[in-house]
């Protein structure tokens, strides 16, 4: 049950935010997160914030509906969110900047990593 809840919430969060950022990459500028200064920059925002995050959401959804995909989805989410958390924390420490966005993302990524790892240790 917890596996399904986590994968369902992950699918909604990752795919929802990814699709939103793909359609409206300027929202990242509006939130004070990152700004594209060229068309190539906008393409990169759509790829990284739109494409990669949507792909993680689709993978989580695949794990939700297909038992054979559950473990691979949890592993991918654990590595992706763990990597994001580690790099974001180190980046924030190097920049001495913990904005509201950064702090919120760190909490989300830490919790998502922890839950994915815990669920990987439990039978479905």
C-alpha atoms as a PDB file:
ATOM      1  CA  UNK A   1       0.000   0.000   0.000  1.00  0.00           C
ATOM      2  CA  UNK A   2       2.742   2.514   0.967  1.00  0.00           C
ATOM      3  CA  UNK A   3       4.633   1.711  -2.217  1.00  0.00           C
ATOM      4  CA  UNK A   4       1.576   2.639  -4.290  1.00  0.00           C
ATOM      5  CA  UNK A   5       0.896   5.821  -2.330  1.00  0.00           C
ATOM      6  CA  UNK A   6       4.493   6.998  -2.687  1.00  0.00           C
ATOM      7  CA  UNK A   7       4.687   6.150  -6.391  1.00  0.00           C
ATOM      8  CA  UNK A   8       1.324   7.800  -7.064  1.00  0.00           C
ATOM      9  CA  UNK A   9       2.306  11.005  -5.261  1.00  0.00           C
ATOM     10  CA  UNK A  10       5.698  10.956  -6.974  1.00  0.00           C
ATOM     11  CA  UNK A  11       4.069  10.547 -10.381  1.00  0.00           C
ATOM     12  CA  UNK A  12       1.797  13.525  -9.750  1.00  0.00           C
ATOM     13  CA  UNK A  13       4.537  15.735  -8.316  1.00  0.00           C
ATOM     14  CA  UNK A  14       7.260  15.008 -10.867  1.00  0.00           C
ATOM     15  CA  UNK A  15       5.106  14.822 -13.997  1.00  0.00           C
ATOM     16  CA  UNK A  16       2.927  17.736 -12.924  1.00  0.00           C
ATOM     17  CA  UNK A  17       5.846  20.075 -12.243  1.00  0.00           C
ATOM     18  CA  UNK A  18       7.715  18.808 -15.301  1.00  0.00           C
ATOM     19  CA  UNK A  19       4.820  19.437 -17.679  1.00  0.00           C
ATOM     20  CA  UNK A  20       4.237  22.854 -16.112  1.00  0.00           C
ATOM     21  CA  UNK A  21       7.902  23.822 -16.540  1.00  0.00           C
ATOM     22  CA  UNK A  22       7.962  22.501 -20.107  1.00  0.00           C
ATOM     23  CA  UNK A  23       4.905  24.527 -21.111  1.00  0.00           C
ATOM     24  CA  UNK A  24       5.882  27.653 -19.147  1.00  0.00           C
ATOM     25  CA  UNK A  25       9.644  27.713 -18.496  1.00  0.00           C
ATOM     26  CA  UNK A  26       9.378  31.413 -17.651  1.00  0.00           C
ATOM     27  CA  UNK A  27       7.724  30.398 -14.366  1.00  0.00           C
ATOM     28  CA  UNK A  28      11.213  29.486 -13.115  1.00  0.00           C
ATOM     29  CA  UNK A  29      12.269  33.099 -13.681  1.00  0.00           C
ATOM     30  CA  UNK A  30       9.085  34.365 -12.047  1.00  0.00           C
ATOM     31  CA  UNK A  31       9.896  32.309  -8.932  1.00  0.00           C
ATOM     32  CA  UNK A  32      13.423  33.742  -8.917  1.00  0.00           C
ATOM     33  CA  UNK A  33      14.918  30.303  -9.518  1.00  0.00           C
ATOM     34  CA  UNK A  34      16.684  30.492 -12.877  1.00  0.00           C
ATOM     35  CA  UNK A  35      16.529  32.639 -15.995  1.00  0.00           C
ATOM     36  CA  UNK A  36      17.124  31.685 -19.612  1.00  0.00           C
ATOM     37  CA  UNK A  37      19.025  34.444 -21.419  1.00  0.00           C
ATOM     38  CA  UNK A  38      18.788  32.854 -24.873  1.00  0.00           C
ATOM     39  CA  UNK A  39      16.662  30.464 -26.898  1.00  0.00           C
ATOM     40  CA  UNK A  40      19.201  27.739 -26.112  1.00  0.00           C
ATOM     41  CA  UNK A  41      18.692  28.470 -22.423  1.00  0.00           C
ATOM     42  CA  UNK A  42      14.939  28.064 -22.808  1.00  0.00           C
ATOM     43  CA  UNK A  43      15.465  24.758 -24.619  1.00  0.00           C
ATOM     44  CA  UNK A  44      17.710  23.615 -21.747  1.00  0.00           C
ATOM     45  CA  UNK A  45      15.115  24.587 -19.131  1.00  0.00           C
ATOM     46  CA  UNK A  46      12.444  22.692 -21.033  1.00  0.00           C
ATOM     47  CA  UNK A  47      14.708  19.643 -21.300  1.00  0.00           C
ATOM     48  CA  UNK A  48      15.937  19.547 -17.694  1.00  0.00           C
ATOM     49  CA  UNK A  49      13.010  20.967 -15.739  1.00  0.00           C
ATOM     50  CA  UNK A  50      10.362  19.735 -18.162  1.00  0.00           C
ATOM     51  CA  UNK A  51      11.633  16.572 -19.791  1.00  0.00           C
ATOM     52  CA  UNK A  52      13.656  14.917 -17.035  1.00  0.00           C
ATOM     53  CA  UNK A  53      11.102  15.636 -14.320  1.00  0.00           C
ATOM     54  CA  UNK A  54       8.224  14.451 -16.487  1.00  0.00           C
ATOM     55  CA  UNK A  55      10.180  11.271 -17.262  1.00  0.00           C
ATOM     56  CA  UNK A  56      10.627  10.595 -13.533  1.00  0.00           C
ATOM     57  CA  UNK A  57       6.895  11.067 -13.074  1.00  0.00           C
ATOM     58  CA  UNK A  58       6.104   8.664 -15.904  1.00  0.00           C
ATOM     59  CA  UNK A  59       8.526   6.113 -14.433  1.00  0.00           C
ATOM     60  CA  UNK A  60       6.819   6.447 -11.035  1.00  0.00           C
ATOM     61  CA  UNK A  61       3.445   5.953 -12.751  1.00  0.00           C
ATOM     62  CA  UNK A  62       4.799   2.845 -14.488  1.00  0.00           C
ATOM     63  CA  UNK A  63       5.830   1.493 -11.093  1.00  0.00           C
ATOM     64  CA  UNK A  64       2.359   2.235  -9.791  1.00  0.00           C
ATOM     65  CA  UNK A  65       0.518   0.286 -12.498  1.00  0.00           C
ATOM     66  CA  UNK A  66       3.061  -2.467 -13.249  1.00  0.00           C
ATOM     67  CA  UNK A  67       4.434  -4.534 -10.359  1.00  0.00           C
ATOM     68  CA  UNK A  68       7.549  -5.436 -12.361  1.00  0.00           C
ATOM     69  CA  UNK A  69       8.397  -1.716 -12.622  1.00  0.00           C
ATOM     70  CA  UNK A  70       7.877  -0.906  -8.941  1.00  0.00           C
ATOM     71  CA  UNK A  71      11.410  -1.648  -7.736  1.00  0.00           C
ATOM     72  CA  UNK A  72      13.179  -0.014 -10.725  1.00  0.00           C
ATOM     73  CA  UNK A  73      11.032   3.090 -10.219  1.00  0.00           C
ATOM     74  CA  UNK A  74      11.904   3.263  -6.516  1.00  0.00           C
ATOM     75  CA  UNK A  75      15.609   2.803  -7.279  1.00  0.00           C
ATOM     76  CA  UNK A  76      15.529   5.555  -9.902  1.00  0.00           C
ATOM     77  CA  UNK A  77      13.660   7.914  -7.577  1.00  0.00           C
ATOM     78  CA  UNK A  78      16.097   7.196  -4.729  1.00  0.00           C
ATOM     79  CA  UNK A  79      19.121   7.942  -6.906  1.00  0.00           C
ATOM     80  CA  UNK A  80      17.581  10.967  -8.640  1.00  0.00           C
ATOM     81  CA  UNK A  81      16.332  12.639  -5.478  1.00  0.00           C
ATOM     82  CA  UNK A  82      19.446  11.656  -3.537  1.00  0.00           C
ATOM     83  CA  UNK A  83      21.632  13.159  -6.242  1.00  0.00           C
ATOM     84  CA  UNK A  84      19.552  16.324  -6.400  1.00  0.00           C
ATOM     85  CA  UNK A  85      19.621  16.665  -2.611  1.00  0.00           C
ATOM     86  CA  UNK A  86      23.392  16.179  -2.380  1.00  0.00           C
ATOM     87  CA  UNK A  87      24.242  18.558  -5.214  1.00  0.00           C
ATOM     88  CA  UNK A  88      21.720  21.184  -4.074  1.00  0.00           C
ATOM     89  CA  UNK A  89      22.978  21.075  -0.478  1.00  0.00           C
ATOM     90  CA  UNK A  90      26.620  21.395  -1.557  1.00  0.00           C
ATOM     91  CA  UNK A  91      25.715  24.140  -4.026  1.00  0.00           C
ATOM     92  CA  UNK A  92      23.794  26.073  -1.379  1.00  0.00           C
ATOM     93  CA  UNK A  93      26.688  25.747   1.063  1.00  0.00           C
ATOM     94  CA  UNK A  94      29.182  26.936  -1.571  1.00  0.00           C
ATOM     95  CA  UNK A  95      26.946  29.893  -2.482  1.00  0.00           C
ATOM     96  CA  UNK A  96      25.937  30.572   1.128  1.00  0.00           C
ATOM     97  CA  UNK A  97      22.370  30.808  -0.151  1.00  0.00           C
ATOM     98  CA  UNK A  98      19.369  28.989   1.236  1.00  0.00           C
ATOM     99  CA  UNK A  99      16.427  30.701  -0.450  1.00  0.00           C
ATOM    100  CA  UNK A 100      12.893  29.551   0.219  1.00  0.00           C
ATOM    101  CA  UNK A 101      12.938  27.594  -3.034  1.00  0.00           C
ATOM    102  CA  UNK A 102      16.222  25.904  -2.143  1.00  0.00           C
ATOM    103  CA  UNK A 103      15.099  25.042   1.380  1.00  0.00           C
ATOM    104  CA  UNK A 104      11.791  23.643   0.123  1.00  0.00           C
ATOM    105  CA  UNK A 105      13.508  21.593  -2.562  1.00  0.00           C
ATOM    106  CA  UNK A 106      15.990  20.212  -0.020  1.00  0.00           C
ATOM    107  CA  UNK A 107      13.188  19.092   2.282  1.00  0.00           C
ATOM    108  CA  UNK A 108      11.275  17.486  -0.614  1.00  0.00           C
ATOM    109  CA  UNK A 109      14.366  15.731  -1.984  1.00  0.00           C
ATOM    110  CA  UNK A 110      15.533  14.482   1.411  1.00  0.00           C
ATOM    111  CA  UNK A 111      12.111  13.084   2.302  1.00  0.00           C
ATOM    112  CA  UNK A 112      11.628  11.533  -1.147  1.00  0.00           C
ATOM    113  CA  UNK A 113      15.044   9.864  -0.936  1.00  0.00           C
ATOM    114  CA  UNK A 114      14.415   8.572   2.575  1.00  0.00           C
ATOM    115  CA  UNK A 115      10.976   7.183   1.734  1.00  0.00           C
ATOM    116  CA  UNK A 116      12.219   5.515  -1.471  1.00  0.00           C
ATOM    117  CA  UNK A 117      15.099   3.859   0.412  1.00  0.00           C
ATOM    118  CA  UNK A 118      12.806   2.699   3.228  1.00  0.00           C
ATOM    119  CA  UNK A 119      10.324   1.260   0.726  1.00  0.00           C
ATOM    120  CA  UNK A 120      13.106  -0.539  -1.139  1.00  0.00           C
ATOM    121  CA  UNK A 121      13.891  -2.385   2.089  1.00  0.00           C
ATOM    122  CA  UNK A 122      10.257  -3.468   2.617  1.00  0.00           C
ATOM    123  CA  UNK A 123       8.317  -6.069   0.651  1.00  0.00           C
ATOM    124  CA  UNK A 124       5.586  -4.596  -1.544  1.00  0.00           C
END
